């Protein structure tokens, strides 16, 4: 099996395992940790997420691109990670005072400051991870991720049951970052020597490359944190707790399904160089959407029942928000695909413009509605729909703009995409109404939800099989080559 497909399968299987662990963990801690504590933790994550482009600093792709990645390069890149981690901790501590003032909560200051340890350990794990990825030791990375997830889940559950509340979440984040860094350093046999400016200056081209990627990621990171800031500021921690848990649920689809498919597929497209055609990007879309899009449709269909079943009856409001965020999930798939497209086409500047424009288009009306109406559900609906339609437009329009000779392929893809999604939801609704009318009130809600999920998934794949024969054949051909 070639490396591209093997990489995708390793990553996908690991992420699926982590998704299952996350769901089981939420089923326990959702009944012991209050909604307000989840809201406070979401505020802590606002500041760590803002620092994430700096923490990562895109050194992994820069290191992998090196022709001669010897021990000297390894220790140099590791040293950069260490310096960045120290800077990140200082910034996080400064953020802790600002965050406490902004959200009018003295409780936040120690939470944010202590969580800076997780930022430190995450940063220093970057280079060991890059070494393993360069050596294509994805099985080692997968085993470490699963080990860390299982032990972290056990820790947070024990602490939650014993009444530690938000500190259970904070401790888990620090523990997982530390164990992950320790295991990666051990397995990569990294040279822990810290070097100075002269050694670092030898790799100025790599640092410049990494800096460009970081700058392109900053607007995107801001895009993904504005909603939490607004809700936390104007609606309080309880509303943010509901919203953040629903958001985490739908975000797992992109993190654990979309990216494991699109990332190795992007590697395949990069190997084609100037031979890339519009049909390759259409195939990339369908391959990704077949894995992750169906998850979003399940959430749109049954999200209002899924989250309360999983986390308890006090999470009903989060379930209502989750259903609306299913449309955000579809938009996020196209967001990820658009990012991959512009990186592969070497059009980072245009991508940055799309991100900046998106901040205005996506957030303007939802934020005004939240300030005016103070209704989280209305904000979530407007935000999800605008996010979804904007990134669908960006992806297809970018391909059309760069490959004007193939409008027929795009037009057919758009028709099939709309038709398959709409008919999947209509058929789901018809069967659900029919089942309820036959059974009346005598049915188990869990069984009903399982039936709804089965109908949604079966309908989606059946419609794709019937109406997208050409796309199916293309995906099969690429898989056979890889």
Protein backbone atom coordinates (compact mmCIF):
# COMPACT_ATOMS: atom_id res chain seq x y z
CA UNK A 1 0.00 0.00 0.00
CA UNK A 2 1.48 3.37 -1.00
CA UNK A 3 2.35 5.98 1.59
CA UNK A 4 -0.42 8.49 0.78
CA UNK A 5 -3.29 6.06 1.34
CA UNK A 6 -1.50 4.43 4.26
CA UNK A 7 -1.03 7.82 5.92
CA UNK A 8 -4.71 8.64 5.46
CA UNK A 9 -5.84 5.32 6.91
CA UNK A 10 -3.54 5.61 9.94
CA UNK A 11 -4.70 9.15 10.64
CA UNK A 12 -8.36 8.41 10.04
CA UNK A 13 -8.40 5.31 12.25
CA UNK A 14 -6.64 7.23 15.03
CA UNK A 15 -9.06 10.13 14.82
CA UNK A 16 -12.06 7.80 14.82
CA UNK A 17 -10.69 6.17 17.96
CA UNK A 18 -10.21 9.58 19.58
CA UNK A 19 -13.76 10.55 18.59
CA UNK A 20 -15.17 7.50 20.34
CA UNK A 21 -13.09 8.27 23.45
CA UNK A 22 -14.31 11.88 23.41
CA UNK A 23 -17.96 10.84 23.15
CA UNK A 24 -17.65 8.36 26.01
CA UNK A 25 -15.88 10.99 28.10
CA UNK A 26 -18.56 13.62 27.43
CA UNK A 27 -21.22 11.11 28.43
CA UNK A 28 -19.63 10.98 31.90
CA UNK A 29 -18.32 14.48 32.58
CA UNK A 30 -21.43 16.14 31.10
CA UNK A 31 -23.36 14.82 34.10
CA UNK A 32 -20.83 15.98 36.73
CA UNK A 33 -19.36 19.26 35.42
CA UNK A 34 -21.74 22.23 35.29
CA UNK A 35 -22.66 24.10 32.12
CA UNK A 36 -21.10 27.25 33.63
CA UNK A 37 -17.77 25.46 34.14
CA UNK A 38 -17.78 24.35 30.51
CA UNK A 39 -18.40 27.99 29.61
CA UNK A 40 -15.42 29.14 31.70
CA UNK A 41 -13.22 26.52 30.05
CA UNK A 42 -14.37 27.74 26.63
CA UNK A 43 -13.11 31.22 27.57
CA UNK A 44 -9.74 29.75 28.60
CA UNK A 45 -9.54 28.04 25.19
CA UNK A 46 -10.20 31.37 23.44
CA UNK A 47 -6.77 32.59 24.49
CA UNK A 48 -4.94 29.32 23.89
CA UNK A 49 -6.51 29.09 20.42
CA UNK A 50 -5.40 32.63 19.59
CA UNK A 51 -1.84 31.56 20.38
CA UNK A 52 -2.02 28.26 18.50
CA UNK A 53 -0.57 29.61 15.19
CA UNK A 54 2.42 30.92 17.15
CA UNK A 55 2.77 27.72 19.18
CA UNK A 56 2.81 25.56 16.07
CA UNK A 57 4.69 28.15 13.95
CA UNK A 58 4.34 25.85 10.93
CA UNK A 59 7.79 24.40 11.64
CA UNK A 60 6.62 20.87 10.84
CA UNK A 61 6.05 21.49 7.08
CA UNK A 62 9.21 23.63 7.01
CA UNK A 63 11.26 20.79 8.52
CA UNK A 64 9.74 18.15 6.24
CA UNK A 65 10.66 20.27 3.19
CA UNK A 66 14.36 20.32 4.15
CA UNK A 67 16.62 18.36 1.82
CA UNK A 68 19.11 17.55 4.58
CA UNK A 69 17.33 17.17 7.92
CA UNK A 70 20.30 16.14 10.08
CA UNK A 71 20.75 16.34 13.85
CA UNK A 72 21.85 19.95 13.61
CA UNK A 73 18.60 20.91 11.86
CA UNK A 74 16.60 18.89 14.35
CA UNK A 75 18.14 20.58 17.40
CA UNK A 76 17.80 24.00 15.75
CA UNK A 77 14.10 23.55 15.08
CA UNK A 78 13.61 22.15 18.56
CA UNK A 79 15.33 25.23 20.00
CA UNK A 80 12.94 27.49 18.09
CA UNK A 81 10.05 25.53 19.61
CA UNK A 82 11.48 26.04 23.10
CA UNK A 83 11.91 29.79 22.63
CA UNK A 84 8.40 30.09 21.21
CA UNK A 85 6.97 28.06 24.09
CA UNK A 86 8.55 30.42 26.65
CA UNK A 87 7.15 33.44 24.79
CA UNK A 88 3.72 31.77 24.61
CA UNK A 89 3.66 31.18 28.36
CA UNK A 90 4.48 34.85 29.01
CA UNK A 91 1.73 35.97 26.63
CA UNK A 92 -0.76 33.54 28.18
CA UNK A 93 -0.08 34.89 31.67
CA UNK A 94 -0.59 38.43 30.37
CA UNK A 95 -3.81 37.30 28.69
CA UNK A 96 -5.00 35.93 32.03
CA UNK A 97 -5.27 39.44 33.49
CA UNK A 98 -6.89 40.82 30.35
CA UNK A 99 -9.33 37.94 30.16
CA UNK A 100 -10.39 38.36 33.78
CA UNK A 101 -11.05 42.06 33.13
CA UNK A 102 -12.83 41.55 29.78
CA UNK A 103 -15.23 38.89 31.07
CA UNK A 104 -15.54 40.40 34.58
CA UNK A 105 -14.47 37.18 36.32
CA UNK A 106 -11.65 36.92 38.86
CA UNK A 107 -11.90 33.12 38.59
CA UNK A 108 -10.51 33.26 35.05
CA UNK A 109 -7.09 34.69 35.92
CA UNK A 110 -5.61 31.61 37.64
CA UNK A 111 -7.32 29.26 35.16
CA UNK A 112 -5.76 30.92 32.12
CA UNK A 113 -2.37 31.34 33.81
CA UNK A 114 -2.16 27.68 34.87
CA UNK A 115 -3.32 26.48 31.45
CA UNK A 116 -0.24 28.16 29.97
CA UNK A 117 1.62 24.96 30.96
CA UNK A 118 -0.39 23.08 28.34
CA UNK A 119 0.72 25.67 25.76
CA UNK A 120 4.36 25.14 26.77
CA UNK A 121 4.29 21.36 26.43
CA UNK A 122 2.32 21.53 23.16
CA UNK A 123 4.94 23.80 21.65
CA UNK A 124 7.97 21.68 22.53
CA UNK A 125 6.29 18.57 21.11
CA UNK A 126 6.26 20.09 17.61
CA UNK A 127 9.74 19.05 16.50
CA UNK A 128 9.60 15.45 17.81
CA UNK A 129 6.32 15.06 15.95
CA UNK A 130 7.89 16.51 12.77
CA UNK A 131 10.74 13.98 12.93
CA UNK A 132 8.33 11.06 13.15
CA UNK A 133 6.21 12.46 10.30
CA UNK A 134 9.26 12.96 8.10
CA UNK A 135 10.24 9.35 8.78
CA UNK A 136 6.63 8.32 8.03
CA UNK A 137 6.25 6.68 11.44
CA UNK A 138 2.54 7.42 11.56
CA UNK A 139 1.81 4.22 13.42
CA UNK A 140 3.94 5.50 16.33
CA UNK A 141 2.12 8.85 16.34
CA UNK A 142 -1.24 7.08 16.23
CA UNK A 143 -0.39 4.85 19.20
CA UNK A 144 0.78 7.84 21.22
CA UNK A 145 -2.38 9.83 20.43
CA UNK A 146 -4.63 6.96 21.49
CA UNK A 147 -2.61 6.32 24.65
CA UNK A 148 -2.75 10.00 25.63
CA UNK A 149 -6.48 10.23 24.88
CA UNK A 150 -7.39 7.15 26.92
CA UNK A 151 -5.32 8.14 29.96
CA UNK A 152 -6.48 11.77 29.75
CA UNK A 153 -10.11 10.67 29.51
CA UNK A 154 -9.69 8.47 32.58
CA UNK A 155 -8.12 11.34 34.52
CA UNK A 156 -10.82 13.90 33.69
CA UNK A 157 -13.62 11.43 34.46
CA UNK A 158 -12.15 10.55 37.88
CA UNK A 159 -11.67 14.21 38.76
CA UNK A 160 -15.14 15.17 37.51
CA UNK A 161 -16.87 12.44 39.52
CA UNK A 162 -14.96 13.63 42.62
CA UNK A 163 -16.22 17.20 42.21
CA UNK A 164 -13.21 19.07 40.80
CA UNK A 165 -15.34 20.81 38.16
CA UNK A 166 -13.44 23.04 35.75
CA UNK A 167 -10.08 22.07 37.26
CA UNK A 168 -10.68 18.58 35.89
CA UNK A 169 -10.73 20.08 32.38
CA UNK A 170 -7.68 22.27 33.04
CA UNK A 171 -5.68 19.37 34.51
CA UNK A 172 -6.56 17.10 31.61
CA UNK A 173 -5.29 19.64 29.08
CA UNK A 174 -1.96 20.03 30.88
CA UNK A 175 -1.57 16.28 31.47
CA UNK A 176 -2.26 15.33 27.84
CA UNK A 177 0.14 17.98 26.51
CA UNK A 178 2.90 16.83 28.89
CA UNK A 179 2.51 13.09 28.24
CA UNK A 180 2.27 13.66 24.49
CA UNK A 181 5.48 15.74 24.49
CA UNK A 182 7.34 13.23 26.67
CA UNK A 183 6.41 10.22 24.52
CA UNK A 184 7.15 12.01 21.24
CA UNK A 185 10.58 13.12 22.49
CA UNK A 186 11.36 9.59 23.61
CA UNK A 187 10.25 7.92 20.37
CA UNK A 188 11.90 10.44 18.05
CA UNK A 189 15.32 10.26 19.78
CA UNK A 190 15.59 14.01 19.32
CA UNK A 191 18.80 15.91 20.10
CA UNK A 192 17.76 18.12 23.04
CA UNK A 193 20.67 20.54 22.56
CA UNK A 194 19.55 24.20 22.66
CA UNK A 195 21.28 26.37 20.05
CA UNK A 196 21.66 30.12 19.68
CA UNK A 197 20.99 32.75 17.04
CA UNK A 198 23.89 31.81 14.74
CA UNK A 199 22.65 28.25 14.27
CA UNK A 200 19.04 29.39 13.86
CA UNK A 201 20.05 31.99 11.24
CA UNK A 202 21.26 29.19 8.95
CA UNK A 203 17.64 28.19 8.43
CA UNK A 204 16.24 31.64 7.74
CA UNK A 205 14.54 30.47 4.53
CA UNK A 206 12.66 27.76 6.43
CA UNK A 207 11.70 30.27 9.13
CA UNK A 208 10.46 32.69 6.46
CA UNK A 209 8.37 29.92 4.89
CA UNK A 210 6.90 29.03 8.29
CA UNK A 211 6.22 32.70 9.08
CA UNK A 212 4.19 33.13 5.89
CA UNK A 213 1.99 30.19 6.84
CA UNK A 214 1.55 31.54 10.38
CA UNK A 215 0.49 34.95 9.05
CA UNK A 216 -2.06 33.30 6.77
CA UNK A 217 -3.45 31.35 9.74
CA UNK A 218 -3.89 34.30 12.09
CA UNK A 219 -7.07 35.72 10.45
CA UNK A 220 -8.48 32.19 10.30
CA UNK A 221 -7.83 31.70 14.02
CA UNK A 222 -9.53 35.00 14.78
CA UNK A 223 -12.46 33.83 12.65
CA UNK A 224 -12.87 30.76 14.87
CA UNK A 225 -12.82 32.64 18.19
CA UNK A 226 -14.99 35.70 17.61
CA UNK A 227 -18.23 33.82 18.28
CA UNK A 228 -17.07 32.57 21.70
CA UNK A 229 -15.88 36.05 22.70
CA UNK A 230 -19.20 37.64 21.74
CA UNK A 231 -21.38 35.01 23.41
CA UNK A 232 -19.23 34.91 26.56
CA UNK A 233 -19.22 38.69 26.83
CA UNK A 234 -22.88 39.41 26.13
CA UNK A 235 -24.68 36.20 27.18
CA UNK A 236 -22.57 34.79 30.04
CA UNK A 237 -20.85 31.49 30.78
CA UNK A 238 -23.97 29.31 30.78
CA UNK A 239 -24.92 30.29 27.24
CA UNK A 240 -21.29 29.85 26.18
CA UNK A 241 -21.22 26.44 27.88
CA UNK A 242 -24.15 25.22 25.78
CA UNK A 243 -22.74 26.73 22.60
CA UNK A 244 -19.16 25.51 23.12
CA UNK A 245 -20.18 21.89 23.75
CA UNK A 246 -22.41 21.84 20.69
CA UNK A 247 -19.61 23.46 18.71
CA UNK A 248 -17.06 20.90 19.97
CA UNK A 249 -19.36 18.10 18.86
CA UNK A 250 -19.69 19.33 15.27
CA UNK A 251 -16.03 20.40 15.09
CA UNK A 252 -14.97 16.80 15.65
CA UNK A 253 -16.25 16.03 12.15
CA UNK A 254 -13.74 18.40 10.56
CA UNK A 255 -10.86 17.51 12.88
CA UNK A 256 -11.35 13.75 12.91
CA UNK A 257 -12.86 13.08 9.48
CA UNK A 258 -12.26 15.89 6.95
CA UNK A 259 -8.59 16.59 7.61
CA UNK A 260 -7.43 12.93 7.70
CA UNK A 261 -8.89 12.57 4.20
CA UNK A 262 -8.00 15.96 2.67
CA UNK A 263 -4.41 16.13 3.99
CA UNK A 264 -3.06 12.96 2.28
CA UNK A 265 -5.16 13.78 -0.77
CA UNK A 266 -3.42 17.15 -0.90
CA UNK A 267 -0.08 15.33 -0.85
CA UNK A 268 -1.24 13.33 -3.86
CA UNK A 269 -2.21 16.51 -5.74
CA UNK A 270 1.12 18.14 -4.87
CA UNK A 271 2.91 15.25 -6.61
CA UNK A 272 0.99 15.96 -9.82
CA UNK A 273 2.59 19.44 -10.06
CA UNK A 274 1.37 21.12 -13.29
CA UNK A 275 -0.85 18.18 -14.26
CA UNK A 276 -3.56 19.03 -11.72
CA UNK A 277 -6.99 19.53 -13.30
CA UNK A 278 -10.36 20.73 -12.03
CA UNK A 279 -11.61 17.15 -11.90
CA UNK A 280 -8.95 16.33 -9.31
CA UNK A 281 -10.30 19.00 -6.97
CA UNK A 282 -13.85 17.83 -7.59
CA UNK A 283 -12.75 14.31 -6.67
CA UNK A 284 -11.02 15.66 -3.56
CA UNK A 285 -14.31 17.31 -2.58
CA UNK A 286 -16.38 14.13 -3.01
CA UNK A 287 -13.82 11.93 -1.23
CA UNK A 288 -13.84 14.28 1.75
CA UNK A 289 -17.58 14.84 1.76
CA UNK A 290 -18.38 11.14 1.58
CA UNK A 291 -16.51 10.64 4.85
CA UNK A 292 -17.45 13.79 6.77
CA UNK A 293 -20.49 15.32 5.05
CA UNK A 294 -22.75 12.47 6.09
CA UNK A 295 -21.83 13.21 9.71
CA UNK A 296 -23.08 16.78 9.31
CA UNK A 297 -26.34 15.53 7.80
CA UNK A 298 -26.81 13.20 10.79
CA UNK A 299 -26.34 16.18 13.11
CA UNK A 300 -28.81 18.31 11.13
CA UNK A 301 -31.33 15.46 11.25
CA UNK A 302 -30.93 14.27 14.85
CA UNK A 303 -28.64 16.71 16.68
CA UNK A 304 -31.38 18.01 18.98
CA UNK A 305 -31.77 14.49 20.41
CA UNK A 306 -28.16 13.27 20.21
CA UNK A 307 -26.56 15.64 22.71
CA UNK A 308 -29.17 15.28 25.50
CA UNK A 309 -28.98 11.49 25.13
CA UNK A 310 -25.19 11.63 25.36
CA UNK A 311 -24.67 14.24 28.10
CA UNK A 312 -27.94 14.31 30.05
CA UNK A 313 -31.26 16.12 30.10
CA UNK A 314 -29.73 19.46 31.19
CA UNK A 315 -28.12 19.76 27.75
CA UNK A 316 -31.35 20.07 25.74
CA UNK A 317 -30.57 23.66 24.70
CA UNK A 318 -27.15 22.56 23.45
CA UNK A 319 -28.90 19.90 21.34
CA UNK A 320 -31.00 22.58 19.64
CA UNK A 321 -27.86 24.58 18.87
CA UNK A 322 -26.07 21.47 17.60
CA UNK A 323 -28.71 20.87 14.94
CA UNK A 324 -28.19 24.38 13.57
CA UNK A 325 -24.40 24.00 13.76
CA UNK A 326 -24.65 21.02 11.42
CA UNK A 327 -24.77 23.59 8.60
CA UNK A 328 -21.61 25.17 10.04
CA UNK A 329 -20.05 21.69 9.84
CA UNK A 330 -20.75 21.52 6.10
CA UNK A 331 -19.24 24.98 5.70
CA UNK A 332 -16.16 23.89 7.64
CA UNK A 333 -15.60 21.00 5.23
CA UNK A 334 -15.49 23.50 2.36
CA UNK A 335 -13.32 25.83 4.46
CA UNK A 336 -10.77 23.02 4.89
CA UNK A 337 -10.97 22.15 1.19
CA UNK A 338 -10.53 25.80 0.20
CA UNK A 339 -7.45 26.07 2.39
CA UNK A 340 -5.98 22.94 0.78
CA UNK A 341 -6.81 24.25 -2.68
CA UNK A 342 -5.12 27.63 -2.24
CA UNK A 343 -2.02 26.13 -0.61
CA UNK A 344 -1.65 23.59 -3.42
CA UNK A 345 -2.20 26.29 -6.06
CA UNK A 346 0.32 28.53 -4.23
CA UNK A 347 -2.20 31.34 -3.82
CA UNK A 348 -1.80 32.15 -0.13
CA UNK A 349 -2.38 35.88 -0.72
CA UNK A 350 -5.77 35.28 -2.33
CA UNK A 351 -6.64 32.87 0.47
CA UNK A 352 -5.84 35.55 3.06
CA UNK A 353 -8.19 37.94 1.24
CA UNK A 354 -10.98 35.34 1.31
CA UNK A 355 -10.44 34.87 5.06
CA UNK A 356 -10.50 38.61 5.75
CA UNK A 357 -13.61 39.10 3.62
CA UNK A 358 -15.21 36.11 5.34
CA UNK A 359 -14.82 37.71 8.77
CA UNK A 360 -16.96 40.63 7.58
CA UNK A 361 -19.55 38.64 5.61
CA UNK A 362 -19.98 35.78 8.07
CA UNK A 363 -20.07 37.68 11.35
CA UNK A 364 -21.59 41.08 10.62
CA UNK A 365 -25.30 40.20 10.72
CA UNK A 366 -25.08 37.41 13.38
CA UNK A 367 -23.15 39.63 15.82
CA UNK A 368 -25.56 42.54 15.35
CA UNK A 369 -28.48 40.17 15.95
CA UNK A 370 -26.86 38.87 19.15
CA UNK A 371 -26.24 42.36 20.51
CA UNK A 372 -29.76 43.46 19.57
CA UNK A 373 -31.83 40.37 20.40
CA UNK A 374 -29.47 38.57 22.83
CA UNK A 375 -30.66 35.24 21.40
CA UNK A 376 -27.96 32.57 21.05
CA UNK A 377 -30.17 30.35 18.89
CA UNK A 378 -30.80 33.14 16.37
CA UNK A 379 -27.08 33.97 16.32
CA UNK A 380 -26.18 30.31 15.76
CA UNK A 381 -28.65 29.97 12.89
CA UNK A 382 -27.46 33.12 11.09
CA UNK A 383 -23.79 32.30 11.72
CA UNK A 384 -24.07 28.67 10.58
CA UNK A 385 -25.96 29.49 7.39
CA UNK A 386 -23.68 32.38 6.38
CA UNK A 387 -20.56 30.31 7.16
CA UNK A 388 -21.89 27.36 5.16
CA UNK A 389 -22.90 29.24 2.02
CA UNK A 390 -19.83 31.51 2.01
CA UNK A 391 -17.27 28.68 2.00
CA UNK A 392 -19.24 26.60 -0.50
CA UNK A 393 -19.14 29.62 -2.80
CA UNK A 394 -15.40 30.21 -2.17
CA UNK A 395 -14.40 26.64 -3.03
CA UNK A 396 -16.41 26.26 -6.22
CA UNK A 397 -15.76 29.83 -7.36
CA UNK A 398 -11.99 29.42 -6.88
CA UNK A 399 -11.95 26.32 -9.06
CA UNK A 400 -14.12 28.01 -11.69
CA UNK A 401 -11.88 31.08 -11.70
CA UNK A 402 -8.69 29.06 -12.21
CA UNK A 403 -10.13 26.40 -14.52
CA UNK A 404 -12.59 28.31 -16.70
CA UNK A 405 -12.52 25.66 -19.44
CA UNK A 406 -14.37 23.13 -17.30
CA UNK A 407 -17.61 24.85 -16.16
CA UNK A 408 -19.66 21.77 -17.07
CA UNK A 409 -17.90 19.62 -14.46
CA UNK A 410 -18.50 22.21 -11.76
CA UNK A 411 -22.12 22.76 -12.69
CA UNK A 412 -22.88 19.05 -12.59
CA UNK A 413 -21.09 18.68 -9.24
CA UNK A 414 -23.07 21.55 -7.68
CA UNK A 415 -26.39 20.09 -8.87
CA UNK A 416 -25.49 16.66 -7.51
CA UNK A 417 -24.29 18.13 -4.21
CA UNK A 418 -27.50 20.09 -3.66
CA UNK A 419 -29.73 17.23 -4.81
CA UNK A 420 -28.11 14.53 -2.69
CA UNK A 421 -28.19 16.66 0.48
CA UNK A 422 -31.74 17.94 0.06
CA UNK A 423 -33.23 14.56 -0.84
CA UNK A 424 -31.34 12.85 2.02
CA UNK A 425 -32.94 15.21 4.54
CA UNK A 426 -36.39 14.98 2.91
CA UNK A 427 -36.34 11.18 2.88
CA UNK A 428 -35.12 11.16 6.50
CA UNK A 429 -38.01 13.43 7.52
CA UNK A 430 -40.55 11.31 5.65
CA UNK A 431 -39.42 8.04 7.25
CA UNK A 432 -39.19 9.60 10.72
CA UNK A 433 -42.74 10.98 10.50
CA UNK A 434 -43.95 7.61 9.20
CA UNK A 435 -42.27 5.67 12.04
CA UNK A 436 -43.71 8.02 14.68
CA UNK A 437 -47.20 7.80 13.17
CA UNK A 438 -47.05 3.99 13.16
CA UNK A 439 -45.66 3.61 16.68
CA UNK A 440 -47.53 6.54 18.19
CA UNK A 441 -46.06 7.49 21.55
CA UNK A 442 -44.89 3.96 22.31
CA UNK A 443 -41.21 4.04 21.31
CA UNK A 444 -37.77 4.35 22.86
CA UNK A 445 -36.12 7.66 21.97
CA UNK A 446 -32.65 6.06 21.71
CA UNK A 447 -33.92 3.41 19.30
CA UNK A 448 -35.66 6.09 17.24
CA UNK A 449 -32.47 8.14 16.98
CA UNK A 450 -30.46 5.07 15.92
CA UNK A 451 -33.04 4.35 13.21
CA UNK A 452 -32.91 8.00 12.06
CA UNK A 453 -29.12 7.89 11.82
CA UNK A 454 -29.22 4.63 9.87
CA UNK A 455 -31.80 6.03 7.41
CA UNK A 456 -29.78 9.22 6.90
CA UNK A 457 -26.49 7.40 6.22
CA UNK A 458 -28.08 4.75 3.98
CA UNK A 459 -29.98 7.35 1.94
CA UNK A 460 -26.92 9.56 1.48
CA UNK A 461 -24.67 6.79 0.16
CA UNK A 462 -27.41 5.27 -1.97
CA UNK A 463 -28.11 8.60 -3.68
CA UNK A 464 -24.39 9.14 -4.29
CA UNK A 465 -24.07 5.64 -5.76
CA UNK A 466 -27.00 6.26 -8.13
CA UNK A 467 -26.33 9.85 -9.25
CA UNK A 468 -22.53 10.22 -9.02
CA UNK A 469 -21.22 7.29 -11.03
CA UNK A 470 -18.43 9.30 -12.69
CA UNK A 471 -17.18 10.69 -9.36
CA UNK A 472 -17.29 7.24 -7.79
CA UNK A 473 -15.16 5.81 -10.60
CA UNK A 474 -12.63 8.63 -10.29
CA UNK A 475 -12.22 8.06 -6.54
CA UNK A 476 -11.72 4.32 -7.09
CA UNK A 477 -9.06 4.97 -9.77
CA UNK A 478 -7.10 7.30 -7.47
CA UNK A 479 -7.29 4.82 -4.59
CA UNK A 480 -5.91 2.05 -6.82
CA UNK A 481 -3.00 4.29 -7.81
CA UNK A 482 -2.24 5.10 -4.17
